[in-house]
Amino acid sequence: MSQFWPVLITLGVALVLVAALYVLSAITATARTSSELVPFAGGVPPTHHAFSRFHVRWYPVTMVFLAFDMEMIFMYPWTLVVSRVGPSAVIEMFLFLGILLAGVVYAWREGALRWT
């Protein structure tokens, strides 16, 4: 049991600090007005409900964004191991980029990149 004392003390200190911050927040908080309770949209008053649906034209744009996002997620670790793995890592990355490029070309052909 003595080996767990440092963990329990750290947990206790963390809980006390969190509770102290909540109490401090409750003490120093000011009353909110009704204008502060609406979602913030860059200073523009909201015109739609927060749970309103998006138009279907935004879903292909989201897919293109996810394609580029996945590219970056896989390219950062790849840069760390490419020197150790060698030419096969380069070939695999170009195949991956080719698949992503095919998806972007498909989205472009379908008009997902058209903004009007």
PDB file of N, CA and C in Angstrom:
ATOM      1  N   MET A   1       0.816  -1.196   0.000  1.00  0.00           N
ATOM      2  CA  MET A   1       0.000   0.000   0.000  1.00  0.00           C
ATOM      3  C   MET A   1       0.858   1.257   0.000  1.00  0.00           C
ATOM      4  N   SER A   2       2.039   1.184   0.539  1.00  0.00           N
ATOM      5  CA  SER A   2       2.888   2.371   0.633  1.00  0.00           C
ATOM      6  C   SER A   2       3.345   2.852  -0.742  1.00  0.00           C
ATOM      7  N   GLN A   3       3.352   1.973  -1.725  1.00  0.00           N
ATOM      8  CA  GLN A   3       3.765   2.385  -3.060  1.00  0.00           C
ATOM      9  C   GLN A   3       2.709   3.241  -3.758  1.00  0.00           C
ATOM     10  N   PHE A   4       1.465   3.211  -3.265  1.00  0.00           N
ATOM     11  CA  PHE A   4       0.393   3.997  -3.870  1.00  0.00           C
ATOM     12  C   PHE A   4       0.222   5.373  -3.242  1.00  0.00           C
ATOM     13  N   TRP A   5       0.912   5.657  -2.136  1.00  0.00           N
ATOM     14  CA  TRP A   5       0.746   6.951  -1.472  1.00  0.00           C
ATOM     15  C   TRP A   5       1.076   8.132  -2.376  1.00  0.00           C
ATOM     16  N   PRO A   6       2.154   8.118  -3.140  1.00  0.00           N
ATOM     17  CA  PRO A   6       2.414   9.272  -4.018  1.00  0.00           C
ATOM     18  C   PRO A   6       1.295   9.506  -5.041  1.00  0.00           C
ATOM     19  N   VAL A   7       0.732   8.421  -5.565  1.00  0.00           N
ATOM     20  CA  VAL A   7      -0.357   8.554  -6.529  1.00  0.00           C
ATOM     21  C   VAL A   7      -1.600   9.115  -5.849  1.00  0.00           C
ATOM     22  N   LEU A   8      -1.911   8.601  -4.668  1.00  0.00           N
ATOM     23  CA  LEU A   8      -3.088   9.089  -3.942  1.00  0.00           C
ATOM     24  C   LEU A   8      -2.925  10.544  -3.520  1.00  0.00           C
ATOM     25  N   ILE A   9      -1.731  10.931  -3.106  1.00  0.00           N
ATOM     26  CA  ILE A   9      -1.490  12.326  -2.731  1.00  0.00           C
ATOM     27  C   ILE A   9      -1.634  13.234  -3.946  1.00  0.00           C
ATOM     28  N   THR A  10      -1.074  12.819  -5.075  1.00  0.00           N
ATOM     29  CA  THR A  10      -1.195  13.612  -6.301  1.00  0.00           C
ATOM     30  C   THR A  10      -2.656  13.731  -6.731  1.00  0.00           C
ATOM     31  N   LEU A  11      -3.393  12.654  -6.651  1.00  0.00           N
ATOM     32  CA  LEU A  11      -4.814  12.680  -6.984  1.00  0.00           C
ATOM     33  C   LEU A  11      -5.578  13.598  -6.040  1.00  0.00           C
ATOM     34  N   GLY A  12      -5.270  13.526  -4.746  1.00  0.00           N
ATOM     35  CA  GLY A  12      -5.924  14.392  -3.777  1.00  0.00           C
ATOM     36  C   GLY A  12      -5.622  15.863  -4.026  1.00  0.00           C
ATOM     37  N   VAL A  13      -4.368  16.189  -4.313  1.00  0.00           N
ATOM     38  CA  VAL A  13      -3.998  17.578  -4.601  1.00  0.00           C
ATOM     39  C   VAL A  13      -4.710  18.065  -5.857  1.00  0.00           C
ATOM     40  N   ALA A  14      -4.782  17.224  -6.869  1.00  0.00           N
ATOM     41  CA  ALA A  14      -5.462  17.608  -8.108  1.00  0.00           C
ATOM     42  C   ALA A  14      -6.942  17.869  -7.849  1.00  0.00           C
ATOM     43  N   LEU A  15      -7.590  17.010  -7.080  1.00  0.00           N
ATOM     44  CA  LEU A  15      -9.009  17.202  -6.776  1.00  0.00           C
ATOM     45  C   LEU A  15      -9.246  18.478  -5.968  1.00  0.00           C
ATOM     46  N   VAL A  16      -8.366  18.752  -5.000  1.00  0.00           N
ATOM     47  CA  VAL A  16      -8.491  19.973  -4.206  1.00  0.00           C
ATOM     48  C   VAL A  16      -8.307  21.206  -5.094  1.00  0.00           C
ATOM     49  N   LEU A  17      -7.341  21.162  -6.011  1.00  0.00           N
ATOM     50  CA  LEU A  17      -7.126  22.299  -6.920  1.00  0.00           C
ATOM     51  C   LEU A  17      -8.320  22.515  -7.848  1.00  0.00           C
ATOM     52  N   VAL A  18      -8.875  21.451  -8.367  1.00  0.00           N
ATOM     53  CA  VAL A  18     -10.040  21.581  -9.242  1.00  0.00           C
ATOM     54  C   VAL A  18     -11.220  22.149  -8.475  1.00  0.00           C
ATOM     55  N   ALA A  19     -11.447  21.644  -7.262  1.00  0.00           N
ATOM     56  CA  ALA A  19     -12.537  22.165  -6.444  1.00  0.00           C
ATOM     57  C   ALA A  19     -12.310  23.633  -6.106  1.00  0.00           C
ATOM     58  N   ALA A  20     -11.072  24.019  -5.802  1.00  0.00           N
ATOM     59  CA  ALA A  20     -10.759  25.413  -5.498  1.00  0.00           C
ATOM     60  C   ALA A  20     -11.018  26.311  -6.706  1.00  0.00           C
ATOM     61  N   LEU A  21     -10.692  25.842  -7.891  1.00  0.00           N
ATOM     62  CA  LEU A  21     -10.944  26.638  -9.095  1.00  0.00           C
ATOM     63  C   LEU A  21     -12.437  26.803  -9.348  1.00  0.00           C
ATOM     64  N   TYR A  22     -13.215  25.755  -9.105  1.00  0.00           N
ATOM     65  CA  TYR A  22     -14.671  25.878  -9.246  1.00  0.00           C
ATOM     66  C   TYR A  22     -15.243  26.880  -8.249  1.00  0.00           C
ATOM     67  N   VAL A  23     -14.780  26.824  -7.017  1.00  0.00           N
ATOM     68  CA  VAL A  23     -15.256  27.762  -6.002  1.00  0.00           C
ATOM     69  C   VAL A  23     -14.843  29.185  -6.364  1.00  0.00           C
ATOM     70  N   LEU A  24     -13.605  29.371  -6.796  1.00  0.00           N
ATOM     71  CA  LEU A  24     -13.136  30.691  -7.202  1.00  0.00           C
ATOM     72  C   LEU A  24     -13.938  31.226  -8.383  1.00  0.00           C
ATOM     73  N   SER A  25     -14.259  30.359  -9.321  1.00  0.00           N
ATOM     74  CA  SER A  25     -15.070  30.761 -10.464  1.00  0.00           C
ATOM     75  C   SER A  25     -16.464  31.184 -10.029  1.00  0.00           C
ATOM     76  N   ALA A  26     -17.068  30.443  -9.104  1.00  0.00           N
ATOM     77  CA  ALA A  26     -18.412  30.782  -8.623  1.00  0.00           C
ATOM     78  C   ALA A  26     -18.404  32.098  -7.853  1.00  0.00           C
ATOM     79  N   ILE A  27     -17.332  32.371  -7.129  1.00  0.00           N
ATOM     80  CA  ILE A  27     -17.250  33.600  -6.345  1.00  0.00           C
ATOM     81  C   ILE A  27     -17.057  34.822  -7.247  1.00  0.00           C
ATOM     82  N   THR A  28     -16.216  34.704  -8.253  1.00  0.00           N
ATOM     83  CA  THR A  28     -15.863  35.861  -9.086  1.00  0.00           C
ATOM     84  C   THR A  28     -16.739  36.024 -10.313  1.00  0.00           C
ATOM     85  N   ALA A  29     -17.641  35.113 -10.577  1.00  0.00           N
ATOM     86  CA  ALA A  29     -18.464  35.189 -11.787  1.00  0.00           C
ATOM     87  C   ALA A  29     -19.485  36.321 -11.681  1.00  0.00           C
ATOM     88  N   THR A  30     -19.778  36.917 -12.832  1.00  0.00           N
ATOM     89  CA  THR A  30     -20.828  37.929 -12.899  1.00  0.00           C
ATOM     90  C   THR A  30     -22.067  37.300 -13.511  1.00  0.00           C
ATOM     91  N   ALA A  31     -23.200  37.938 -13.293  1.00  0.00           N
ATOM     92  CA  ALA A  31     -24.456  37.414 -13.843  1.00  0.00           C
ATOM     93  C   ALA A  31     -24.437  37.566 -15.359  1.00  0.00           C
ATOM     94  N   ARG A  32     -24.898  36.570 -16.056  1.00  0.00           N
ATOM     95  CA  ARG A  32     -24.938  36.610 -17.513  1.00  0.00           C
ATOM     96  C   ARG A  32     -26.230  37.248 -17.985  1.00  0.00           C
ATOM     97  N   THR A  33     -26.102  38.061 -19.029  1.00  0.00           N
ATOM     98  CA  THR A  33     -27.294  38.628 -19.646  1.00  0.00           C
ATOM     99  C   THR A  33     -27.802  37.673 -20.710  1.00  0.00           C
ATOM    100  N   SER A  34     -29.013  37.922 -21.196  1.00  0.00           N
ATOM    101  CA  SER A  34     -29.579  37.014 -22.198  1.00  0.00           C
ATOM    102  C   SER A  34     -28.796  37.060 -23.502  1.00  0.00           C
ATOM    103  N   SER A  35     -28.128  38.179 -23.812  1.00  0.00           N
ATOM    104  CA  SER A  35     -27.359  38.249 -25.053  1.00  0.00           C
ATOM    105  C   SER A  35     -26.087  37.418 -24.971  1.00  0.00           C
ATOM    106  N   GLU A  36     -25.625  37.111 -23.772  1.00  0.00           N
ATOM    107  CA  GLU A  36     -24.426  36.296 -23.625  1.00  0.00           C
ATOM    108  C   GLU A  36     -24.718  34.802 -23.703  1.00  0.00           C
ATOM    109  N   LEU A  37     -25.967  34.432 -23.674  1.00  0.00           N
ATOM    110  CA  LEU A  37     -26.327  33.020 -23.676  1.00  0.00           C
ATOM    111  C   LEU A  37     -26.495  32.449 -25.073  1.00  0.00           C
ATOM    112  N   VAL A  38     -26.468  33.294 -26.115  1.00  0.00           N
ATOM    113  CA  VAL A  38     -26.606  32.800 -27.482  1.00  0.00           C
ATOM    114  C   VAL A  38     -25.232  32.380 -27.995  1.00  0.00           C
ATOM    115  N   PRO A  39     -25.171  31.462 -28.939  1.00  0.00           N
ATOM    116  CA  PRO A  39     -23.886  31.043 -29.492  1.00  0.00           C
ATOM    117  C   PRO A  39     -23.188  32.210 -30.188  1.00  0.00           C
ATOM    118  N   PHE A  40     -21.877  32.265 -30.070  1.00  0.00           N
ATOM    119  CA  PHE A  40     -21.093  33.351 -30.652  1.00  0.00           C
ATOM    120  C   PHE A  40     -20.723  32.989 -32.081  1.00  0.00           C
ATOM    121  N   ALA A  41     -21.000  33.895 -33.017  1.00  0.00           N
ATOM    122  CA  ALA A  41     -20.695  33.640 -34.422  1.00  0.00           C
ATOM    123  C   ALA A  41     -19.954  34.829 -35.016  1.00  0.00           C
ATOM    124  N   GLY A  42     -18.824  35.170 -34.444  1.00  0.00           N
ATOM    125  CA  GLY A  42     -18.018  36.246 -34.985  1.00  0.00           C
ATOM    126  C   GLY A  42     -18.656  37.614 -34.822  1.00  0.00           C
ATOM    127  N   GLY A  43     -19.486  37.796 -33.830  1.00  0.00           N
ATOM    128  CA  GLY A  43     -20.120  39.080 -33.589  1.00  0.00           C
ATOM    129  C   GLY A  43     -21.434  39.269 -34.305  1.00  0.00           C
ATOM    130  N   VAL A  44     -21.794  38.341 -35.162  1.00  0.00           N
ATOM    131  CA  VAL A  44     -23.043  38.432 -35.906  1.00  0.00           C
ATOM    132  C   VAL A  44     -24.122  37.688 -35.121  1.00  0.00           C
ATOM    133  N   PRO A  45     -25.275  38.295 -34.924  1.00  0.00           N
ATOM    134  CA  PRO A  45     -26.319  37.570 -34.211  1.00  0.00           C
ATOM    135  C   PRO A  45     -26.752  36.327 -34.993  1.00  0.00           C
ATOM    136  N   PRO A  46     -27.003  35.225 -34.318  1.00  0.00           N
ATOM    137  CA  PRO A  46     -27.365  33.999 -35.028  1.00  0.00           C
ATOM    138  C   PRO A  46     -28.724  34.133 -35.704  1.00  0.00           C
ATOM    139  N   THR A  47     -28.818  33.577 -36.905  1.00  0.00           N
ATOM    140  CA  THR A  47     -30.081  33.603 -37.653  1.00  0.00           C
ATOM    141  C   THR A  47     -30.752  32.241 -37.686  1.00  0.00           C
ATOM    142  N   HIS A  48     -30.001  31.183 -37.367  1.00  0.00           N
ATOM    143  CA  HIS A  48     -30.543  29.825 -37.384  1.00  0.00           C
ATOM    144  C   HIS A  48     -30.374  29.204 -36.017  1.00  0.00           C
ATOM    145  N   HIS A  49     -31.148  28.191 -35.769  1.00  0.00           N
ATOM    146  CA  HIS A  49     -31.035  27.447 -34.519  1.00  0.00           C
ATOM    147  C   HIS A  49     -29.724  26.674 -34.525  1.00  0.00           C
ATOM    148  N   ALA A  50     -29.157  26.435 -33.357  1.00  0.00           N
ATOM    149  CA  ALA A  50     -27.871  25.754 -33.253  1.00  0.00           C
ATOM    150  C   ALA A  50     -27.927  24.319 -33.771  1.00  0.00           C
ATOM    151  N   PHE A  51     -29.096  23.686 -33.746  1.00  0.00           N
ATOM    152  CA  PHE A  51     -29.210  22.312 -34.210  1.00  0.00           C
ATOM    153  C   PHE A  51     -29.800  22.216 -35.615  1.00  0.00           C
ATOM    154  N   SER A  52     -29.758  23.312 -36.368  1.00  0.00           N
ATOM    155  CA  SER A  52     -30.298  23.265 -37.728  1.00  0.00           C
ATOM    156  C   SER A  52     -29.400  22.403 -38.605  1.00  0.00           C
ATOM    157  N   ARG A  53     -29.975  21.876 -39.660  1.00  0.00           N
ATOM    158  CA  ARG A  53     -29.231  20.973 -40.540  1.00  0.00           C
ATOM    159  C   ARG A  53     -28.444  21.753 -41.576  1.00  0.00           C
ATOM    160  N   PHE A  54     -27.332  21.168 -42.005  1.00  0.00           N
ATOM    161  CA  PHE A  54     -26.534  21.763 -43.056  1.00  0.00           C
ATOM    162  C   PHE A  54     -27.051  21.288 -44.403  1.00  0.00           C
ATOM    163  N   HIS A  55     -26.849  22.125 -45.403  1.00  0.00           N
ATOM    164  CA  HIS A  55     -27.244  21.747 -46.757  1.00  0.00           C
ATOM    165  C   HIS A  55     -26.374  20.583 -47.225  1.00  0.00           C
ATOM    166  N   VAL A  56     -26.929  19.747 -48.054  1.00  0.00           N
ATOM    167  CA  VAL A  56     -26.235  18.539 -48.492  1.00  0.00           C
ATOM    168  C   VAL A  56     -24.987  18.866 -49.314  1.00  0.00           C
ATOM    169  N   ARG A  57     -24.878  20.063 -49.873  1.00  0.00           N
ATOM    170  CA  ARG A  57     -23.705  20.400 -50.685  1.00  0.00           C
ATOM    171  C   ARG A  57     -22.434  20.497 -49.853  1.00  0.00           C
ATOM    172  N   TRP A  58     -22.548  20.596 -48.527  1.00  0.00           N
ATOM    173  CA  TRP A  58     -21.363  20.712 -47.686  1.00  0.00           C
ATOM    174  C   TRP A  58     -20.735  19.361 -47.386  1.00  0.00           C
ATOM    175  N   TYR A  59     -21.430  18.281 -47.590  1.00  0.00           N
ATOM    176  CA  TYR A  59     -20.870  16.968 -47.289  1.00  0.00           C
ATOM    177  C   TYR A  59     -19.715  16.586 -48.223  1.00  0.00           C
ATOM    178  N   PRO A  60     -19.790  16.837 -49.531  1.00  0.00           N
ATOM    179  CA  PRO A  60     -18.608  16.566 -50.361  1.00  0.00           C
ATOM    180  C   PRO A  60     -17.412  17.433 -49.984  1.00  0.00           C
ATOM    181  N   VAL A  61     -17.661  18.669 -49.596  1.00  0.00           N
ATOM    182  CA  VAL A  61     -16.569  19.535 -49.150  1.00  0.00           C
ATOM    183  C   VAL A  61     -15.927  18.947 -47.900  1.00  0.00           C
ATOM    184  N   THR A  62     -16.749  18.421 -47.016  1.00  0.00           N
ATOM    185  CA  THR A  62     -16.233  17.788 -45.806  1.00  0.00           C
ATOM    186  C   THR A  62     -15.385  16.573 -46.162  1.00  0.00           C
ATOM    187  N   MET A  63     -15.810  15.797 -47.137  1.00  0.00           N
ATOM    188  CA  MET A  63     -15.037  14.619 -47.538  1.00  0.00           C
ATOM    189  C   MET A  63     -13.681  15.012 -48.134  1.00  0.00           C
ATOM    190  N   VAL A  64     -13.656  16.081 -48.917  1.00  0.00           N
ATOM    191  CA  VAL A  64     -12.379  16.545 -49.472  1.00  0.00           C
ATOM    192  C   VAL A  64     -11.471  17.014 -48.338  1.00  0.00           C
ATOM    193  N   PHE A  65     -12.041  17.745 -47.384  1.00  0.00           N
ATOM    194  CA  PHE A  65     -11.246  18.174 -46.228  1.00  0.00           C
ATOM    195  C   PHE A  65     -10.682  16.970 -45.476  1.00  0.00           C
ATOM    196  N   LEU A  66     -11.506  15.955 -45.260  1.00  0.00           N
ATOM    197  CA  LEU A  66     -11.028  14.771 -44.551  1.00  0.00           C
ATOM    198  C   LEU A  66      -9.937  14.049 -45.339  1.00  0.00           C
ATOM    199  N   ALA A  67     -10.022  14.073 -46.660  1.00  0.00           N
ATOM    200  CA  ALA A  67      -8.974  13.452 -47.470  1.00  0.00           C
ATOM    201  C   ALA A  67      -7.646  14.157 -47.230  1.00  0.00           C
ATOM    202  N   PHE A  68      -7.643  15.486 -47.241  1.00  0.00           N
ATOM    203  CA  PHE A  68      -6.407  16.217 -46.997  1.00  0.00           C
ATOM    204  C   PHE A  68      -5.954  16.064 -45.541  1.00  0.00           C
ATOM    205  N   ASP A  69      -6.899  15.969 -44.638  1.00  0.00           N
ATOM    206  CA  ASP A  69      -6.568  15.781 -43.229  1.00  0.00           C
ATOM    207  C   ASP A  69      -5.907  14.426 -43.017  1.00  0.00           C
ATOM    208  N   MET A  70      -6.441  13.387 -43.622  1.00  0.00           N
ATOM    209  CA  MET A  70      -5.852  12.052 -43.505  1.00  0.00           C
ATOM    210  C   MET A  70      -4.460  12.031 -44.129  1.00  0.00           C
ATOM    211  N   GLU A  71      -4.293  12.786 -45.205  1.00  0.00           N
ATOM    212  CA  GLU A  71      -2.976  12.853 -45.834  1.00  0.00           C
ATOM    213  C   GLU A  71      -1.944  13.381 -44.844  1.00  0.00           C
ATOM    214  N   MET A  72      -2.277  14.435 -44.147  1.00  0.00           N
ATOM    215  CA  MET A  72      -1.331  15.016 -43.194  1.00  0.00           C
ATOM    216  C   MET A  72      -1.110  14.104 -41.990  1.00  0.00           C
ATOM    217  N   ILE A  73      -2.155  13.435 -41.549  1.00  0.00           N
ATOM    218  CA  ILE A  73      -2.012  12.533 -40.396  1.00  0.00           C
ATOM    219  C   ILE A  73      -1.037  11.401 -40.713  1.00  0.00           C
ATOM    220  N   PHE A  74      -1.057  10.915 -41.953  1.00  0.00           N
ATOM    221  CA  PHE A  74      -0.159   9.821 -42.311  1.00  0.00           C
ATOM    222  C   PHE A  74       1.205  10.300 -42.785  1.00  0.00           C
ATOM    223  N   MET A  75       1.304  11.536 -43.266  1.00  0.00           N
ATOM    224  CA  MET A  75       2.593  12.000 -43.774  1.00  0.00           C
ATOM    225  C   MET A  75       3.559  12.402 -42.666  1.00  0.00           C
ATOM    226  N   TYR A  76       3.082  12.939 -41.565  1.00  0.00           N
ATOM    227  CA  TYR A  76       3.992  13.344 -40.496  1.00  0.00           C
ATOM    228  C   TYR A  76       4.751  12.154 -39.911  1.00  0.00           C
ATOM    229  N   PRO A  77       4.088  11.062 -39.520  1.00  0.00           N
ATOM    230  CA  PRO A  77       4.882   9.922 -39.023  1.00  0.00           C
ATOM    231  C   PRO A  77       5.723   9.280 -40.130  1.00  0.00           C
ATOM    232  N   TRP A  78       5.237   9.338 -41.362  1.00  0.00           N
ATOM    233  CA  TRP A  78       5.974   8.747 -42.469  1.00  0.00           C
ATOM    234  C   TRP A  78       7.331   9.411 -42.629  1.00  0.00           C
ATOM    235  N   THR A  79       7.400  10.734 -42.412  1.00  0.00           N
ATOM    236  CA  THR A  79       8.673  11.431 -42.563  1.00  0.00           C
ATOM    237  C   THR A  79       9.698  10.952 -41.548  1.00  0.00           C
ATOM    238  N   LEU A  80       9.246  10.417 -40.433  1.00  0.00           N
ATOM    239  CA  LEU A  80      10.184   9.937 -39.424  1.00  0.00           C
ATOM    240  C   LEU A  80      10.756   8.565 -39.749  1.00  0.00           C
ATOM    241  N   VAL A  81      10.008   7.752 -40.477  1.00  0.00           N
ATOM    242  CA  VAL A  81      10.462   6.383 -40.720  1.00  0.00           C
ATOM    243  C   VAL A  81      10.938   6.140 -42.150  1.00  0.00           C
ATOM    244  N   VAL A  82      10.793   7.119 -43.035  1.00  0.00           N
ATOM    245  CA  VAL A  82      11.129   6.874 -44.436  1.00  0.00           C
ATOM    246  C   VAL A  82      12.615   6.570 -44.612  1.00  0.00           C
ATOM    247  N   SER A  83      13.470   7.179 -43.819  1.00  0.00           N
ATOM    248  CA  SER A  83      14.901   6.915 -43.973  1.00  0.00           C
ATOM    249  C   SER A  83      15.272   5.508 -43.497  1.00  0.00           C
ATOM    250  N   ARG A  84      14.538   4.988 -42.521  1.00  0.00           N
ATOM    251  CA  ARG A  84      14.828   3.640 -42.025  1.00  0.00           C
ATOM    252  C   ARG A  84      14.240   2.556 -42.929  1.00  0.00           C
ATOM    253  N   VAL A  85      13.053   2.814 -43.475  1.00  0.00           N
ATOM    254  CA  VAL A  85      12.383   1.784 -44.270  1.00  0.00           C
ATOM    255  C   VAL A  85      12.951   1.727 -45.680  1.00  0.00           C
ATOM    256  N   GLY A  86      13.215   2.887 -46.268  1.00  0.00           N
ATOM    257  CA  GLY A  86      13.828   2.912 -47.582  1.00  0.00           C
ATOM    258  C   GLY A  86      12.843   3.174 -48.703  1.00  0.00           C
ATOM    259  N   PRO A  87      13.177   2.689 -49.905  1.00  0.00           N
ATOM    260  CA  PRO A  87      12.371   2.993 -51.086  1.00  0.00           C
ATOM    261  C   PRO A  87      10.940   2.451 -51.023  1.00  0.00           C
ATOM    262  N   SER A  88      10.731   1.373 -50.296  1.00  0.00           N
ATOM    263  CA  SER A  88       9.371   0.833 -50.233  1.00  0.00           C
ATOM    264  C   SER A  88       8.425   1.816 -49.545  1.00  0.00           C
ATOM    265  N   ALA A  89       8.933   2.594 -48.579  1.00  0.00           N
ATOM    266  CA  ALA A  89       8.098   3.600 -47.906  1.00  0.00           C
ATOM    267  C   ALA A  89       7.721   4.708 -48.879  1.00  0.00           C
ATOM    268  N   VAL A  90       8.635   5.079 -49.748  1.00  0.00           N
ATOM    269  CA  VAL A  90       8.346   6.119 -50.737  1.00  0.00           C
ATOM    270  C   VAL A  90       7.293   5.626 -51.723  1.00  0.00           C
ATOM    271  N   ILE A  91       7.410   4.379 -52.152  1.00  0.00           N
ATOM    272  CA  ILE A  91       6.435   3.809 -53.083  1.00  0.00           C
ATOM    273  C   ILE A  91       5.060   3.739 -52.433  1.00  0.00           C
ATOM    274  N   GLU A  92       5.020   3.297 -51.186  1.00  0.00           N
ATOM    275  CA  GLU A  92       3.740   3.221 -50.483  1.00  0.00           C
ATOM    276  C   GLU A  92       3.099   4.599 -50.319  1.00  0.00           C
ATOM    277  N   MET A  93       3.919   5.618 -50.051  1.00  0.00           N
ATOM    278  CA  MET A  93       3.361   6.958 -49.887  1.00  0.00           C
ATOM    279  C   MET A  93       2.812   7.471 -51.208  1.00  0.00           C
ATOM    280  N   PHE A  94       3.521   7.206 -52.309  1.00  0.00           N
ATOM    281  CA  PHE A  94       2.999   7.659 -53.596  1.00  0.00           C
ATOM    282  C   PHE A  94       1.719   6.918 -53.978  1.00  0.00           C
ATOM    283  N   LEU A  95       1.602   5.648 -53.600  1.00  0.00           N
ATOM    284  CA  LEU A  95       0.340   4.938 -53.822  1.00  0.00           C
ATOM    285  C   LEU A  95      -0.785   5.552 -52.995  1.00  0.00           C
ATOM    286  N   PHE A  96      -0.493   5.870 -51.750  1.00  0.00           N
ATOM    287  CA  PHE A  96      -1.474   6.512 -50.881  1.00  0.00           C
ATOM    288  C   PHE A  96      -1.896   7.864 -51.449  1.00  0.00           C
ATOM    289  N   LEU A  97      -0.918   8.663 -51.882  1.00  0.00           N
ATOM    290  CA  LEU A  97      -1.244   9.967 -52.470  1.00  0.00           C
ATOM    291  C   LEU A  97      -2.009   9.813 -53.774  1.00  0.00           C
ATOM    292  N   GLY A  98      -1.724   8.751 -54.524  1.00  0.00           N
ATOM    293  CA  GLY A  98      -2.474   8.499 -55.748  1.00  0.00           C
ATOM    294  C   GLY A  98      -3.938   8.189 -55.470  1.00  0.00           C
ATOM    295  N   ILE A  99      -4.187   7.411 -54.421  1.00  0.00           N
ATOM    296  CA  ILE A  99      -5.571   7.107 -54.044  1.00  0.00           C
ATOM    297  C   ILE A  99      -6.283   8.380 -53.610  1.00  0.00           C
ATOM    298  N   LEU A 100      -5.614   9.217 -52.812  1.00  0.00           N
ATOM    299  CA  LEU A 100      -6.215  10.482 -52.404  1.00  0.00           C
ATOM    300  C   LEU A 100      -6.450  11.396 -53.598  1.00  0.00           C
ATOM    301  N   LEU A 101      -5.501  11.415 -54.522  1.00  0.00           N
ATOM    302  CA  LEU A 101      -5.668  12.242 -55.715  1.00  0.00           C
ATOM    303  C   LEU A 101      -6.860  11.762 -56.541  1.00  0.00           C
ATOM    304  N   ALA A 102      -7.054  10.457 -56.619  1.00  0.00           N
ATOM    305  CA  ALA A 102      -8.220   9.941 -57.333  1.00  0.00           C
ATOM    306  C   ALA A 102      -9.508  10.401 -56.670  1.00  0.00           C
ATOM    307  N   GLY A 103      -9.538  10.422 -55.338  1.00  0.00           N
ATOM    308  CA  GLY A 103     -10.714  10.915 -54.628  1.00  0.00           C
ATOM    309  C   GLY A 103     -10.950  12.396 -54.854  1.00  0.00           C
ATOM    310  N   VAL A 104      -9.894  13.178 -54.882  1.00  0.00           N
ATOM    311  CA  VAL A 104     -10.034  14.622 -55.120  1.00  0.00           C
ATOM    312  C   VAL A 104     -10.478  14.879 -56.556  1.00  0.00           C
ATOM    313  N   VAL A 105      -9.930  14.145 -57.514  1.00  0.00           N
ATOM    314  CA  VAL A 105     -10.352  14.306 -58.906  1.00  0.00           C
ATOM    315  C   VAL A 105     -11.820  13.936 -59.060  1.00  0.00           C
ATOM    316  N   TYR A 106     -12.252  12.885 -58.396  1.00  0.00           N
ATOM    317  CA  TYR A 106     -13.665  12.500 -58.431  1.00  0.00           C
ATOM    318  C   TYR A 106     -14.534  13.607 -57.843  1.00  0.00           C
ATOM    319  N   ALA A 107     -14.120  14.145 -56.687  1.00  0.00           N
ATOM    320  CA  ALA A 107     -14.889  15.222 -56.063  1.00  0.00           C
ATOM    321  C   ALA A 107     -14.908  16.458 -56.958  1.00  0.00           C
ATOM    322  N   TRP A 108     -13.798  16.744 -57.605  1.00  0.00           N
ATOM    323  CA  TRP A 108     -13.723  17.899 -58.515  1.00  0.00           C
ATOM    324  C   TRP A 108     -14.674  17.692 -59.692  1.00  0.00           C
ATOM    325  N   ARG A 109     -14.671  16.475 -60.233  1.00  0.00           N
ATOM    326  CA  ARG A 109     -15.544  16.172 -61.363  1.00  0.00           C
ATOM    327  C   ARG A 109     -17.012  16.259 -60.980  1.00  0.00           C
ATOM    328  N   GLU A 110     -17.324  15.884 -59.733  1.00  0.00           N
ATOM    329  CA  GLU A 110     -18.706  15.933 -59.264  1.00  0.00           C
ATOM    330  C   GLU A 110     -19.135  17.333 -58.834  1.00  0.00           C
ATOM    331  N   GLY A 111     -18.184  18.283 -58.804  1.00  0.00           N
ATOM    332  CA  GLY A 111     -18.532  19.665 -58.484  1.00  0.00           C
ATOM    333  C   GLY A 111     -18.423  20.015 -57.017  1.00  0.00           C
ATOM    334  N   ALA A 112     -17.727  19.209 -56.230  1.00  0.00           N
ATOM    335  CA  ALA A 112     -17.613  19.492 -54.804  1.00  0.00           C
ATOM    336  C   ALA A 112     -16.753  20.716 -54.522  1.00  0.00           C
ATOM    337  N   LEU A 113     -15.887  21.074 -55.464  1.00  0.00           N
ATOM    338  CA  LEU A 113     -15.016  22.223 -55.260  1.00  0.00           C
ATOM    339  C   LEU A 113     -15.583  23.506 -55.876  1.00  0.00           C
ATOM    340  N   ARG A 114     -16.769  23.427 -56.445  1.00  0.00           N
ATOM    341  CA  ARG A 114     -17.419  24.594 -57.010  1.00  0.00           C
ATOM    342  C   ARG A 114     -18.183  25.306 -55.893  1.00  0.00           C
ATOM    343  N   TRP A 115     -17.987  26.595 -55.722  1.00  0.00           N
ATOM    344  CA  TRP A 115     -18.563  27.316 -54.593  1.00  0.00           C
ATOM    345  C   TRP A 115     -19.820  28.082 -54.963  1.00  0.00           C
ATOM    346  N   THR A 116     -20.226  28.051 -56.202  1.00  0.00           N
ATOM    347  CA  THR A 116     -21.428  28.805 -56.594  1.00  0.00           C
ATOM    348  C   THR A 116     -22.553  27.865 -56.925  1.00  0.00           C
TER     349      THR A 116
END
